[in-house]
Protein backbone atom coordinates (compact mmCIF):
# COMPACT_ATOMS: atom_id res chain seq x y z
CA UNK A 1 -76.66 3.79 -3.11
CA UNK A 2 -78.53 2.42 0.12
CA UNK A 3 -75.22 -0.23 0.06
CA UNK A 4 -73.16 2.92 0.20
CA UNK A 5 -74.29 4.27 3.59
CA UNK A 6 -74.93 1.46 5.12
CA UNK A 7 -71.51 0.25 4.30
CA UNK A 8 -70.38 3.94 5.81
CA UNK A 9 -72.57 3.64 9.16
CA UNK A 10 -70.43 0.32 9.77
CA UNK A 11 -67.50 2.56 10.27
CA UNK A 12 -66.65 2.79 13.97
CA UNK A 13 -68.14 5.79 15.70
CA UNK A 14 -70.72 6.40 13.03
CA UNK A 15 -74.48 7.86 13.89
CA UNK A 16 -75.27 8.05 10.78
CA UNK A 17 -75.13 9.30 7.02
CA UNK A 18 -76.78 11.17 3.41
CA UNK A 19 -77.11 11.85 0.52
CA UNK A 20 -78.91 15.32 0.41
CA UNK A 21 -79.19 17.75 -2.33
CA UNK A 22 -77.70 20.95 -2.13
CA UNK A 23 -80.96 22.60 -1.32
CA UNK A 24 -81.46 21.01 1.19
CA UNK A 25 -83.58 17.89 0.89
CA UNK A 26 -82.53 14.89 2.03
CA UNK A 27 -82.16 11.78 -1.17
CA UNK A 28 -80.99 8.32 0.67
CA UNK A 29 -80.26 8.29 4.06
CA UNK A 30 -79.63 5.90 7.06
CA UNK A 31 -79.79 7.19 10.99
CA UNK A 32 -81.26 5.58 13.39
CA UNK A 33 -84.67 6.85 14.75
CA UNK A 34 -83.75 9.43 17.27
CA UNK A 35 -82.44 11.57 14.11
CA UNK A 36 -85.04 12.79 10.97
CA UNK A 37 -83.17 13.07 7.90
CA UNK A 38 -85.00 15.68 6.17
CA UNK A 39 -84.32 18.28 9.53
CA UNK A 40 -80.54 17.06 8.99
CA UNK A 41 -79.99 17.46 5.36
CA UNK A 42 -82.08 21.49 6.12
CA UNK A 43 -79.68 22.48 9.11
CA UNK A 44 -76.93 21.17 7.06
CA UNK A 45 -77.86 22.80 4.01
CA UNK A 46 -78.14 26.32 5.43
CA UNK A 47 -74.26 24.75 7.28
CA UNK A 48 -73.06 24.55 4.08
CA UNK A 49 -74.76 27.28 2.07
CA UNK A 50 -72.26 29.42 5.07
CA UNK A 51 -69.47 28.20 4.47
CA UNK A 52 -69.52 28.53 0.65
CA UNK A 53 -70.51 32.24 1.08
CA UNK A 54 -67.32 32.82 3.22
CA UNK A 55 -65.30 30.90 1.26
CA UNK A 56 -65.61 32.68 -1.97
CA UNK A 57 -65.67 36.86 0.01
CA UNK A 58 -62.39 35.07 1.05
CA UNK A 59 -61.68 33.76 -2.57
CA UNK A 60 -60.59 30.70 -0.99
CA UNK A 61 -62.89 28.77 -4.68
CA UNK A 62 -65.21 26.80 -4.53
CA UNK A 63 -66.79 24.15 -1.44
CA UNK A 64 -65.15 20.91 -1.30
CA UNK A 65 -65.78 19.47 2.74
CA UNK A 66 -66.16 20.93 6.09
CA UNK A 67 -65.67 19.15 9.23
CA UNK A 68 -67.63 20.73 12.84
CA UNK A 69 -66.24 19.41 15.41
CA UNK A 70 -68.60 19.77 18.32
CA UNK A 71 -68.45 18.46 22.47
CA UNK A 72 -69.67 15.38 21.49
CA UNK A 73 -70.50 14.74 18.01
CA UNK A 74 -67.98 15.79 14.43
CA UNK A 75 -70.07 16.25 11.25
CA UNK A 76 -68.69 15.75 8.25
CA UNK A 77 -69.80 16.76 4.67
CA UNK A 78 -68.04 16.16 1.29
CA UNK A 79 -69.35 17.25 -2.64
CA UNK A 80 -70.21 15.12 -4.84
CA UNK A 81 -71.46 15.49 -8.26
CA UNK A 82 -74.61 13.89 -6.87
CA UNK A 83 -75.07 16.25 -4.27
CA UNK A 84 -73.62 15.91 -0.35
CA UNK A 85 -72.52 13.70 1.62
CA UNK A 86 -72.98 13.60 5.48
CA UNK A 87 -72.01 11.94 7.94
CA UNK A 88 -72.55 12.97 11.88
CA UNK A 89 -70.21 10.94 14.04
CA UNK A 90 -69.38 10.32 18.41
CA UNK A 91 -66.02 12.08 19.70
CA UNK A 92 -64.10 8.33 18.89
CA UNK A 93 -64.98 8.06 15.34
CA UNK A 94 -61.20 8.64 13.33
CA UNK A 95 -61.82 11.59 11.41
CA UNK A 96 -59.35 10.28 8.41
CA UNK A 97 -60.69 7.52 7.84
CA UNK A 98 -63.92 9.40 8.11
CA UNK A 99 -62.25 10.89 5.01
CA UNK A 100 -61.09 7.96 3.28
CA UNK A 101 -65.16 6.04 3.78
CA UNK A 102 -66.75 8.92 2.10
CA UNK A 103 -64.59 8.86 -0.48
CA UNK A 104 -65.26 5.05 -1.35
CA UNK A 105 -68.64 5.80 -0.55
CA UNK A 106 -68.85 8.58 -2.99
CA UNK A 107 -67.24 6.96 -5.35
CA UNK A 108 -69.48 3.71 -5.39
CA UNK A 109 -73.12 5.83 -5.00
CA UNK A 110 -71.43 8.03 -8.45
CA UNK A 111 -70.52 4.41 -10.51
CA UNK A 112 -74.42 4.00 -9.65
CA UNK A 113 -75.90 6.77 -10.16
CA UNK A 114 -74.21 5.85 -13.59
CA UNK A 115 -76.11 2.69 -14.37
CA UNK A 116 -79.36 4.18 -13.34
């Protein structure tokens, strides 16, 4: 699991990433020391819950992924069979490339969980 996150974090512009449960518990993470993975997981869980509620009320279907774009950073979240995969990146990060790399990381994590 850690290898998949390390590879994802090697993508240009990525500040850190984590795999978390839907209720906001960090399962595995790869962040620099300035970011607390538990805090990132808790705040991401709140954001996802809000998006899920809005999607449900609008009849849009179940949550799959989201991207939050702010002045200095990007936050991408993707649903996986093992939880939520989260990537924080700088504005210079390529969102399309990050989505592709997140898909690959999710596949590696899911294969690893099946083996265990």
